[in-house]
C-alpha atoms as a PDB file:
ATOM      1  CA  MET A   1      -6.297  -4.441   0.832  1.00  0.00           C
ATOM      2  CA  GLU A   2      -9.988  -4.198   1.625  1.00  0.00           C
ATOM      3  CA  MET A   3     -10.856  -4.015  -2.071  1.00  0.00           C
ATOM      4  CA  ALA A   4      -8.973  -7.296  -2.534  1.00  0.00           C
ATOM      5  CA  GLY A   5     -11.198  -8.984   0.069  1.00  0.00           C
ATOM      6  CA  VAL A   6      -8.743  -8.900   2.985  1.00  0.00           C
ATOM      7  CA  ASN A   7     -10.603  -8.596   6.289  1.00  0.00           C
ATOM      8  CA  THR A   8      -7.629  -8.491   8.655  1.00  0.00           C
ATOM      9  CA  THR A   9      -3.995  -7.449   8.399  1.00  0.00           C
ATOM     10  CA  LEU A  10      -1.163  -7.774  10.887  1.00  0.00           C
ATOM     11  CA  LEU A  11       1.897  -5.555  11.007  1.00  0.00           C
ATOM     12  CA  SER A  12       4.684  -4.610  13.351  1.00  0.00           C
ATOM     13  CA  LEU A  13       5.916  -1.177  14.309  1.00  0.00           C
ATOM     14  CA  TRP A  14       9.357  -2.586  15.049  1.00  0.00           C
ATOM     15  CA  LYS A  15      12.002  -4.305  12.961  1.00  0.00           C
ATOM     16  CA  VAL A  16      11.610  -8.075  13.295  1.00  0.00           C
ATOM     17  CA  ASP A  17      13.933 -10.665  11.790  1.00  0.00           C
ATOM     18  CA  ASP A  18      12.633 -13.135   9.224  1.00  0.00           C
ATOM     19  CA  GLU A  19      13.018 -16.246  11.396  1.00  0.00           C
ATOM     20  CA  SER A  20      10.956 -14.801  14.255  1.00  0.00           C
ATOM     21  CA  THR A  21       8.298 -13.613  11.825  1.00  0.00           C
ATOM     22  CA  THR A  22       8.082 -17.062  10.228  1.00  0.00           C
ATOM     23  CA  GLU A  23       7.786 -18.845  13.577  1.00  0.00           C
ATOM     24  CA  GLY A  24       5.159 -16.402  14.834  1.00  0.00           C
ATOM     25  CA  THR A  25       3.108 -16.613  11.660  1.00  0.00           C
ATOM     26  CA  ILE A  26       3.126 -20.400  11.718  1.00  0.00           C
ATOM     27  CA  THR A  27       1.973 -20.425  15.336  1.00  0.00           C
ATOM     28  CA  ILE A  28      -0.811 -17.925  14.649  1.00  0.00           C
ATOM     29  CA  TYR A  29      -2.123 -19.983  11.735  1.00  0.00           C
ATOM     30  CA  GLN A  30      -1.918 -23.238  13.710  1.00  0.00           C
ATOM     31  CA  GLU A  31      -3.992 -21.671  16.470  1.00  0.00           C
ATOM     32  CA  LEU A  32      -6.396 -20.173  13.938  1.00  0.00           C
ATOM     33  CA  ILE A  33      -7.022 -23.620  12.442  1.00  0.00           C
ATOM     34  CA  LYS A  34      -7.836 -24.956  15.930  1.00  0.00           C
ATOM     35  CA  SER A  35     -10.146 -22.161  17.095  1.00  0.00           C
ATOM     36  CA  ASN A  36     -11.183 -20.197  13.966  1.00  0.00           C
ATOM     37  CA  ASP A  37     -10.888 -17.085  16.184  1.00  0.00           C
ATOM     38  CA  ILE A  38      -8.228 -14.573  15.117  1.00  0.00           C
ATOM     39  CA  SER A  39      -8.237 -12.720  18.451  1.00  0.00           C
ATOM     40  CA  ASN A  40      -7.702 -15.917  20.433  1.00  0.00           C
ATOM     41  CA  SER A  41      -5.045 -17.109  17.975  1.00  0.00           C
ATOM     42  CA  LEU A  42      -3.026 -13.911  18.416  1.00  0.00           C
ATOM     43  CA  LYS A  43      -3.301 -14.102  22.206  1.00  0.00           C
ATOM     44  CA  THR A  44      -2.228 -17.760  22.279  1.00  0.00           C
ATOM     45  CA  ALA A  45       0.668 -17.269  19.873  1.00  0.00           C
END
């Protein structure tokens, strides 16, 4: 991933259904657009 230019990845150690993953991802990206801070976006989501 790093060779492809990816700075950050997010994964789960537990099985998560697709709907929850979609909702969480949308919320994280909405917060990231507001603050441009990945740490804050994850905390807020």
